[in-house]
Amino acid sequence: MNPPEADKGFIPRPLGRFNIPLNTPLLCGGVVYYIVIYLVSYQKTTGNENKSDFITECLITSVLTLNSQIINIDTTFVSDGEIYPFSQDDTIKGLKISGNVILNTDTSLVRVIFVDNMYNEYMIYECYPLISTKLDFSFDDVCDETLCLDQINPYSVKVEIINASITLANIMMSEGSCNNAESDRYASKRALDLKKVDTMNLMIQKYGMNWNADDNAEIAMYYMDKTKIYGEKYNLRGFDYYDEGV
């Protein structure tokens, strides 16, 4: 499906691609072996209590990275935009992005969304002041809802901006194996949800607010389901995490 050039509003520059040449099963197996050894050693030295979950999450991420294609974007967005960096033959089993964000005010929002060829939407990344410990920072290989996908055909990447900017450096498109795509995707999302709760409670204290954030059924929902409640480009500024207080 080719988007009409006149309707894009944003026509990206030529995009460079390169493959990470680690497709040989023996080579991949050896690399994964050393990844596991490293992670076990890391767990022992850091005292991570969730050893099994920690190793599983990191191993899935590492395996996906071994068989990936990187699309260079190198574009800064200061307002909403949409790019079409994929080819018609692409099939995605995972998607990550890297770049830099600047949040200008306490109402700032940056959201990056992956759209498949059936116009389903998956949130790749989202940030605003209450879930960010800095207002100007870089991020690498983030994937809020796109760690594992079930052989999806891509269409575009959308960017939503409110009082902020994002430089999208590259997209890592995984072509590796993900045996339980939906369960792994949801488990990854929920782990990130809980990290956001922890960060938010720290920032609530930093800003002198008198309420607490916690996990809830609404937080557990996917981005696309939330848009059915709040509409496109919703900006709740973290109050969907509200638990108690004033």
C-alpha atoms as a PDB file:
ATOM      1  CA  MET A   1       0.000   0.000   0.000  1.00  0.00           C
ATOM      2  CA  ASN A   2       1.567   3.292  -1.085  1.00  0.00           C
ATOM      3  CA  PRO A   3       0.475   6.472   0.765  1.00  0.00           C
ATOM      4  CA  PRO A   4      -0.426   9.381  -1.528  1.00  0.00           C
ATOM      5  CA  GLU A   5       2.517  11.780  -1.685  1.00  0.00           C
ATOM      6  CA  ALA A   6       0.321  14.891  -1.682  1.00  0.00           C
ATOM      7  CA  ASP A   7      -1.523  13.836   1.459  1.00  0.00           C
ATOM      8  CA  LYS A   8       1.462  12.953   3.601  1.00  0.00           C
ATOM      9  CA  GLY A   9       2.259  16.432   4.850  1.00  0.00           C
ATOM     10  CA  PHE A  10       5.718  15.079   5.588  1.00  0.00           C
ATOM     11  CA  ILE A  11       7.915  13.448   2.973  1.00  0.00           C
ATOM     12  CA  PRO A  12      10.942  11.833   4.604  1.00  0.00           C
ATOM     13  CA  ARG A  13      14.432  11.980   3.193  1.00  0.00           C
ATOM     14  CA  PRO A  14      15.883   8.794   1.654  1.00  0.00           C
ATOM     15  CA  LEU A  15      16.227   6.245   4.403  1.00  0.00           C
ATOM     16  CA  GLY A  16      19.295   4.077   4.829  1.00  0.00           C
ATOM     17  CA  ARG A  17      18.985   0.445   5.827  1.00  0.00           C
ATOM     18  CA  PHE A  18      21.431  -2.205   6.858  1.00  0.00           C
ATOM     19  CA  ASN A  19      21.098  -5.709   8.207  1.00  0.00           C
ATOM     20  CA  ILE A  20      22.887  -7.072  11.246  1.00  0.00           C
ATOM     21  CA  PRO A  21      24.478 -10.191   9.694  1.00  0.00           C
ATOM     22  CA  LEU A  22      23.841 -12.694  12.472  1.00  0.00           C
ATOM     23  CA  ASN A  23      21.537 -15.188  10.797  1.00  0.00           C
ATOM     24  CA  THR A  24      23.671 -18.316  11.135  1.00  0.00           C
ATOM     25  CA  PRO A  25      22.045 -20.571  13.783  1.00  0.00           C
ATOM     26  CA  LEU A  26      25.381 -21.691  15.226  1.00  0.00           C
ATOM     27  CA  LEU A  27      26.653 -18.140  15.547  1.00  0.00           C
ATOM     28  CA  CYS A  28      23.380 -16.967  17.080  1.00  0.00           C
ATOM     29  CA  GLY A  29      23.389 -19.886  19.495  1.00  0.00           C
ATOM     30  CA  GLY A  30      26.898 -19.029  20.637  1.00  0.00           C
ATOM     31  CA  VAL A  31      26.048 -15.369  21.126  1.00  0.00           C
ATOM     32  CA  VAL A  32      22.889 -16.214  23.057  1.00  0.00           C
ATOM     33  CA  TYR A  33      24.883 -18.603  25.269  1.00  0.00           C
ATOM     34  CA  TYR A  34      27.258 -15.822  26.267  1.00  0.00           C
ATOM     35  CA  ILE A  35      24.332 -13.442  26.793  1.00  0.00           C
ATOM     36  CA  VAL A  36      22.777 -15.894  29.273  1.00  0.00           C
ATOM     37  CA  ILE A  37      26.105 -16.320  31.104  1.00  0.00           C
ATOM     38  CA  TYR A  38      26.462 -12.543  31.315  1.00  0.00           C
ATOM     39  CA  LEU A  39      22.918 -12.038  32.589  1.00  0.00           C
ATOM     40  CA  VAL A  40      23.275 -14.695  35.282  1.00  0.00           C
ATOM     41  CA  SER A  41      26.521 -13.077  36.404  1.00  0.00           C
ATOM     42  CA  TYR A  42      24.846  -9.658  36.394  1.00  0.00           C
ATOM     43  CA  GLN A  43      21.962 -10.970  38.486  1.00  0.00           C
ATOM     44  CA  LYS A  44      24.315 -12.397  41.074  1.00  0.00           C
ATOM     45  CA  THR A  45      26.313  -9.177  41.408  1.00  0.00           C
ATOM     46  CA  THR A  46      23.271  -6.849  41.501  1.00  0.00           C
ATOM     47  CA  GLY A  47      21.008  -9.013  43.679  1.00  0.00           C
ATOM     48  CA  ASN A  48      18.105  -8.821  41.236  1.00  0.00           C
ATOM     49  CA  GLU A  49      15.269 -10.702  42.918  1.00  0.00           C
ATOM     50  CA  ASN A  50      13.306 -11.559  39.793  1.00  0.00           C
ATOM     51  CA  LYS A  51      16.032 -13.706  38.266  1.00  0.00           C
ATOM     52  CA  SER A  52      13.827 -15.723  35.948  1.00  0.00           C
ATOM     53  CA  ASP A  53      11.767 -12.770  34.704  1.00  0.00           C
ATOM     54  CA  PHE A  54      14.872 -10.612  34.338  1.00  0.00           C
ATOM     55  CA  ILE A  55      16.751 -13.175  32.252  1.00  0.00           C
ATOM     56  CA  THR A  56      13.684 -13.999  30.145  1.00  0.00           C
ATOM     57  CA  GLU A  57      12.966 -10.369  29.286  1.00  0.00           C
ATOM     58  CA  CYS A  58      16.582  -9.562  28.469  1.00  0.00           C
ATOM     59  CA  LEU A  59      17.067 -12.779  26.501  1.00  0.00           C
ATOM     60  CA  ILE A  60      13.990 -12.125  24.342  1.00  0.00           C
ATOM     61  CA  THR A  61      15.280  -8.627  23.649  1.00  0.00           C
ATOM     62  CA  SER A  62      18.748  -9.936  22.820  1.00  0.00           C
ATOM     63  CA  VAL A  63      17.499 -12.683  20.495  1.00  0.00           C
ATOM     64  CA  LEU A  64      15.344 -10.207  18.595  1.00  0.00           C
ATOM     65  CA  THR A  65      18.296  -7.865  18.248  1.00  0.00           C
ATOM     66  CA  LEU A  66      20.423 -10.622  16.700  1.00  0.00           C
ATOM     67  CA  ASN A  67      18.314 -10.773  13.544  1.00  0.00           C
ATOM     68  CA  SER A  68      17.312  -7.199  12.850  1.00  0.00           C
ATOM     69  CA  GLN A  69      17.224  -4.536  10.203  1.00  0.00           C
ATOM     70  CA  ILE A  70      17.984  -0.940  11.142  1.00  0.00           C
ATOM     71  CA  ILE A  71      16.311   1.911   9.271  1.00  0.00           C
ATOM     72  CA  ASN A  72      18.053   5.258   9.733  1.00  0.00           C
ATOM     73  CA  ILE A  73      15.612   8.164  10.131  1.00  0.00           C
ATOM     74  CA  ASP A  74      17.621  11.103  11.587  1.00  0.00           C
ATOM     75  CA  THR A  75      14.630  13.446  11.617  1.00  0.00           C
ATOM     76  CA  THR A  76      13.436  15.917  14.262  1.00  0.00           C
ATOM     77  CA  PHE A  77       9.730  16.448  14.874  1.00  0.00           C
ATOM     78  CA  VAL A  78       8.413  19.590  16.585  1.00  0.00           C
ATOM     79  CA  SER A  79       4.808  18.883  15.603  1.00  0.00           C
ATOM     80  CA  ASP A  80       2.716  15.870  14.624  1.00  0.00           C
ATOM     81  CA  GLY A  81       3.985  13.870  11.669  1.00  0.00           C
ATOM     82  CA  GLU A  82       3.885  10.532   9.900  1.00  0.00           C
ATOM     83  CA  ILE A  83       6.593   8.702   7.981  1.00  0.00           C
ATOM     84  CA  TYR A  84       6.541   5.685   5.695  1.00  0.00           C
ATOM     85  CA  PRO A  85       9.945   4.005   6.063  1.00  0.00           C
ATOM     86  CA  PHE A  86       8.862   0.438   5.278  1.00  0.00           C
ATOM     87  CA  SER A  87       8.806  -1.499   2.036  1.00  0.00           C
ATOM     88  CA  GLN A  88       5.846  -3.518   0.791  1.00  0.00           C
ATOM     89  CA  ASP A  89       7.725  -6.770   1.440  1.00  0.00           C
ATOM     90  CA  ASP A  90       8.548  -6.071   5.078  1.00  0.00           C
ATOM     91  CA  THR A  91       7.194  -8.386   7.781  1.00  0.00           C
ATOM     92  CA  ILE A  92       7.805  -7.316  11.360  1.00  0.00           C
ATOM     93  CA  LYS A  93       8.164  -9.482  14.456  1.00  0.00           C
ATOM     94  CA  GLY A  94       9.359  -6.660  16.698  1.00  0.00           C
ATOM     95  CA  LEU A  95      10.039  -2.927  16.523  1.00  0.00           C
ATOM     96  CA  LYS A  96      12.246  -0.593  18.565  1.00  0.00           C
ATOM     97  CA  ILE A  97      13.302   3.026  18.192  1.00  0.00           C
ATOM     98  CA  SER A  98      16.165   5.206  19.405  1.00  0.00           C
ATOM     99  CA  GLY A  99      16.481   8.963  19.571  1.00  0.00           C
ATOM    100  CA  ASN A 100      16.309  12.062  21.760  1.00  0.00           C
ATOM    101  CA  VAL A 101      13.446  13.933  23.439  1.00  0.00           C
ATOM    102  CA  ILE A 102      13.019  17.479  24.761  1.00  0.00           C
ATOM    103  CA  LEU A 103      10.012  18.204  26.993  1.00  0.00           C
ATOM    104  CA  ASN A 104       9.392  21.949  27.208  1.00  0.00           C
ATOM    105  CA  THR A 105       6.609  22.266  29.827  1.00  0.00           C
ATOM    106  CA  ASP A 106       4.770  20.280  32.488  1.00  0.00           C
ATOM    107  CA  THR A 107       2.082  19.449  29.903  1.00  0.00           C
ATOM    108  CA  SER A 108       4.507  18.176  27.262  1.00  0.00           C
ATOM    109  CA  LEU A 109       3.863  14.879  25.496  1.00  0.00           C
ATOM    110  CA  VAL A 110       5.740  12.767  22.970  1.00  0.00           C
ATOM    111  CA  ARG A 111       4.171   9.617  21.573  1.00  0.00           C
ATOM    112  CA  VAL A 112       5.411   7.403  18.713  1.00  0.00           C
ATOM    113  CA  ILE A 113       2.965   4.919  17.187  1.00  0.00           C
ATOM    114  CA  PHE A 114       3.451   2.034  14.788  1.00  0.00           C
ATOM    115  CA  VAL A 115       0.628   1.484  12.277  1.00  0.00           C
ATOM    116  CA  ASP A 116       0.217  -1.822  10.446  1.00  0.00           C
ATOM    117  CA  ASN A 117      -1.323  -2.339   7.006  1.00  0.00           C
ATOM    118  CA  MET A 118      -4.733  -2.959   8.593  1.00  0.00           C
ATOM    119  CA  TYR A 119      -4.459   0.413  10.412  1.00  0.00           C
ATOM    120  CA  ASN A 120      -4.095  -1.155  13.834  1.00  0.00           C
ATOM    121  CA  GLU A 121      -1.974   1.052  16.085  1.00  0.00           C
ATOM    122  CA  TYR A 122       0.708   0.032  18.602  1.00  0.00           C
ATOM    123  CA  MET A 123       2.489   2.483  20.890  1.00  0.00           C
ATOM    124  CA  ILE A 124       6.245   2.254  20.453  1.00  0.00           C
ATOM    125  CA  TYR A 125       7.108   4.998  22.914  1.00  0.00           C
ATOM    126  CA  GLU A 126       5.502   7.602  25.140  1.00  0.00           C
ATOM    127  CA  CYS A 127       6.961  10.178  27.509  1.00  0.00           C
ATOM    128  CA  TYR A 128       5.829  13.171  29.538  1.00  0.00           C
ATOM    129  CA  PRO A 129       7.283  14.850  32.648  1.00  0.00           C
ATOM    130  CA  LEU A 130       5.786  12.549  35.290  1.00  0.00           C
ATOM    131  CA  ILE A 131       7.351   9.415  33.761  1.00  0.00           C
ATOM    132  CA  SER A 132      10.647  11.073  32.809  1.00  0.00           C
ATOM    133  CA  THR A 133      13.385  11.892  35.292  1.00  0.00           C
ATOM    134  CA  LYS A 134      14.872  14.419  32.838  1.00  0.00           C
ATOM    135  CA  LEU A 135      13.370  16.882  30.370  1.00  0.00           C
ATOM    136  CA  ASP A 136      16.105  16.529  27.745  1.00  0.00           C
ATOM    137  CA  PHE A 137      17.399  12.993  27.250  1.00  0.00           C
ATOM    138  CA  SER A 138      18.296  10.244  24.814  1.00  0.00           C
ATOM    139  CA  PHE A 139      16.668   6.822  24.636  1.00  0.00           C
ATOM    140  CA  ASP A 140      17.746   3.566  23.009  1.00  0.00           C
ATOM    141  CA  ASP A 141      15.825   0.546  21.716  1.00  0.00           C
ATOM    142  CA  VAL A 142      12.482   1.372  23.359  1.00  0.00           C
ATOM    143  CA  CYS A 143       9.381  -0.675  22.566  1.00  0.00           C
ATOM    144  CA  ASP A 144       6.397  -0.092  24.848  1.00  0.00           C
ATOM    145  CA  GLU A 145       3.998  -2.377  22.944  1.00  0.00           C
ATOM    146  CA  THR A 146       6.144  -3.650  20.090  1.00  0.00           C
ATOM    147  CA  LEU A 147       8.737  -6.006  21.582  1.00  0.00           C
ATOM    148  CA  CYS A 148       7.066  -9.023  19.928  1.00  0.00           C
ATOM    149  CA  LEU A 149       4.635  -8.847  17.015  1.00  0.00           C
ATOM    150  CA  ASP A 150       2.994 -11.680  15.115  1.00  0.00           C
ATOM    151  CA  GLN A 151       4.501 -11.260  11.629  1.00  0.00           C
ATOM    152  CA  ILE A 152       2.803  -7.932  10.995  1.00  0.00           C
ATOM    153  CA  ASN A 153       2.976  -6.046   7.713  1.00  0.00           C
ATOM    154  CA  PRO A 154       3.916  -2.418   8.468  1.00  0.00           C
ATOM    155  CA  TYR A 155       2.395   0.763   7.053  1.00  0.00           C
ATOM    156  CA  SER A 156       3.753   3.823   8.864  1.00  0.00           C
ATOM    157  CA  VAL A 157       5.077   5.434  12.029  1.00  0.00           C
ATOM    158  CA  LYS A 158       3.115   8.330  13.544  1.00  0.00           C
ATOM    159  CA  VAL A 159       4.494  10.951  15.912  1.00  0.00           C
ATOM    160  CA  GLU A 160       2.330  12.991  18.293  1.00  0.00           C
ATOM    161  CA  ILE A 161       3.801  16.118  19.890  1.00  0.00           C
ATOM    162  CA  ILE A 162       2.573  18.589  22.509  1.00  0.00           C
ATOM    163  CA  ASN A 163       5.042  21.316  23.604  1.00  0.00           C
ATOM    164  CA  ALA A 164       8.000  19.066  22.897  1.00  0.00           C
ATOM    165  CA  SER A 165      10.308  17.707  20.218  1.00  0.00           C
ATOM    166  CA  ILE A 166      11.733  14.326  19.337  1.00  0.00           C
ATOM    167  CA  THR A 167      14.660  13.399  17.135  1.00  0.00           C
ATOM    168  CA  LEU A 168      14.001   9.941  15.769  1.00  0.00           C
ATOM    169  CA  ALA A 169      17.432   8.458  15.065  1.00  0.00           C
ATOM    170  CA  ASN A 170      16.566   4.981  13.827  1.00  0.00           C
ATOM    171  CA  ILE A 171      14.066   2.163  13.806  1.00  0.00           C
ATOM    172  CA  MET A 172      15.185  -1.391  14.570  1.00  0.00           C
ATOM    173  CA  MET A 173      12.893  -3.821  12.809  1.00  0.00           C
ATOM    174  CA  SER A 174      13.190  -7.396  14.083  1.00  0.00           C
ATOM    175  CA  GLU A 175      12.848 -10.349  11.761  1.00  0.00           C
ATOM    176  CA  GLY A 176      13.854 -12.884  14.430  1.00  0.00           C
ATOM    177  CA  SER A 177      11.801 -15.538  16.176  1.00  0.00           C
ATOM    178  CA  CYS A 178       9.152 -14.760  18.793  1.00  0.00           C
ATOM    179  CA  ASN A 179       7.273 -17.955  19.646  1.00  0.00           C
ATOM    180  CA  ASN A 180       4.583 -16.470  21.905  1.00  0.00           C
ATOM    181  CA  ALA A 181       4.229 -13.029  20.382  1.00  0.00           C
ATOM    182  CA  GLU A 182       1.060 -11.818  22.098  1.00  0.00           C
ATOM    183  CA  SER A 183       1.872 -13.104  25.602  1.00  0.00           C
ATOM    184  CA  ASP A 184       5.466 -11.839  25.372  1.00  0.00           C
ATOM    185  CA  ARG A 185       4.303  -8.464  24.065  1.00  0.00           C
ATOM    186  CA  TYR A 186       1.823  -8.058  26.905  1.00  0.00           C
ATOM    187  CA  ALA A 187       4.306  -9.208  29.553  1.00  0.00           C
ATOM    188  CA  SER A 188       6.832  -6.659  28.293  1.00  0.00           C
ATOM    189  CA  LYS A 189       4.238  -3.884  28.306  1.00  0.00           C
ATOM    190  CA  ARG A 190       3.134  -4.698  31.855  1.00  0.00           C
ATOM    191  CA  ALA A 191       6.721  -4.710  33.124  1.00  0.00           C
ATOM    192  CA  LEU A 192       7.159  -1.231  31.642  1.00  0.00           C
ATOM    193  CA  ASP A 193       3.847  -0.112  33.183  1.00  0.00           C
ATOM    194  CA  LEU A 194       5.162  -0.965  36.643  1.00  0.00           C
ATOM    195  CA  LYS A 195       8.423   0.873  35.986  1.00  0.00           C
ATOM    196  CA  LYS A 196       6.380   3.939  35.003  1.00  0.00           C
ATOM    197  CA  VAL A 197       4.464   3.709  38.289  1.00  0.00           C
ATOM    198  CA  ASP A 198       7.740   3.711  40.238  1.00  0.00           C
ATOM    199  CA  THR A 199       9.133   6.657  38.248  1.00  0.00           C
ATOM    200  CA  MET A 200       5.885   8.578  38.585  1.00  0.00           C
ATOM    201  CA  ASN A 201       5.808   8.257  42.369  1.00  0.00           C
ATOM    202  CA  LEU A 202       9.371   9.590  42.518  1.00  0.00           C
ATOM    203  CA  MET A 203       8.458  12.546  40.313  1.00  0.00           C
ATOM    204  CA  ILE A 204       5.257  13.227  42.287  1.00  0.00           C
ATOM    205  CA  GLN A 205       7.407  13.640  45.398  1.00  0.00           C
ATOM    206  CA  LYS A 206       9.938  15.759  43.509  1.00  0.00           C
ATOM    207  CA  TYR A 207       7.232  18.164  42.296  1.00  0.00           C
ATOM    208  CA  GLY A 208       5.599  18.333  45.736  1.00  0.00           C
ATOM    209  CA  MET A 209       2.283  16.818  44.683  1.00  0.00           C
ATOM    210  CA  ASN A 210      -0.045  15.158  47.200  1.00  0.00           C
ATOM    211  CA  TRP A 211      -1.208  12.006  45.454  1.00  0.00           C
ATOM    212  CA  ASN A 212       0.059   8.520  44.719  1.00  0.00           C
ATOM    213  CA  ALA A 213       0.235   6.542  41.488  1.00  0.00           C
ATOM    214  CA  ASP A 214      -0.448   2.836  41.212  1.00  0.00           C
ATOM    215  CA  ASP A 215      -1.237   0.136  38.691  1.00  0.00           C
ATOM    216  CA  ASN A 216      -4.854  -0.386  37.619  1.00  0.00           C
ATOM    217  CA  ALA A 217      -6.997  -2.001  34.922  1.00  0.00           C
ATOM    218  CA  GLU A 218      -6.854   1.113  32.763  1.00  0.00           C
ATOM    219  CA  ILE A 219      -3.061   1.167  32.754  1.00  0.00           C
ATOM    220  CA  ALA A 220      -3.077  -2.475  31.681  1.00  0.00           C
ATOM    221  CA  MET A 221      -4.932  -1.567  28.461  1.00  0.00           C
ATOM    222  CA  TYR A 222      -3.173  -1.213  25.139  1.00  0.00           C
ATOM    223  CA  TYR A 223      -2.837   2.221  23.559  1.00  0.00           C
ATOM    224  CA  MET A 224      -5.369   1.514  20.798  1.00  0.00           C
ATOM    225  CA  ASP A 225      -8.006   0.547  23.385  1.00  0.00           C
ATOM    226  CA  LYS A 226      -7.356   3.763  25.310  1.00  0.00           C
ATOM    227  CA  THR A 227      -7.977   5.857  22.207  1.00  0.00           C
ATOM    228  CA  LYS A 228     -11.495   4.411  22.067  1.00  0.00           C
ATOM    229  CA  ILE A 229     -12.104   5.957  25.498  1.00  0.00           C
ATOM    230  CA  TYR A 230     -10.103   9.195  25.370  1.00  0.00           C
ATOM    231  CA  GLY A 231      -9.762   9.813  21.641  1.00  0.00           C
ATOM    232  CA  GLU A 232      -6.706  10.360  19.485  1.00  0.00           C
ATOM    233  CA  LYS A 233      -3.738  12.209  20.979  1.00  0.00           C
ATOM    234  CA  TYR A 234      -5.082  12.015  24.520  1.00  0.00           C
ATOM    235  CA  ASN A 235      -2.895  13.721  27.117  1.00  0.00           C
ATOM    236  CA  LEU A 236      -3.844  12.625  30.633  1.00  0.00           C
ATOM    237  CA  ARG A 237      -0.479  13.795  32.089  1.00  0.00           C
ATOM    238  CA  GLY A 238      -0.333  10.707  34.300  1.00  0.00           C
ATOM    239  CA  PHE A 239      -3.662  11.003  36.070  1.00  0.00           C
ATOM    240  CA  ASP A 240      -4.777   7.657  34.656  1.00  0.00           C
ATOM    241  CA  TYR A 241      -2.285   6.258  37.214  1.00  0.00           C
ATOM    242  CA  TYR A 242      -4.088   8.001  40.100  1.00  0.00           C
ATOM    243  CA  ASP A 243      -4.560   5.863  43.207  1.00  0.00           C
ATOM    244  CA  GLU A 244      -5.189   8.165  46.160  1.00  0.00           C
ATOM    245  CA  GLY A 245      -4.534  11.678  47.478  1.00  0.00           C
ATOM    246  CA  VAL A 246      -5.448  15.212  46.440  1.00  0.00           C
END
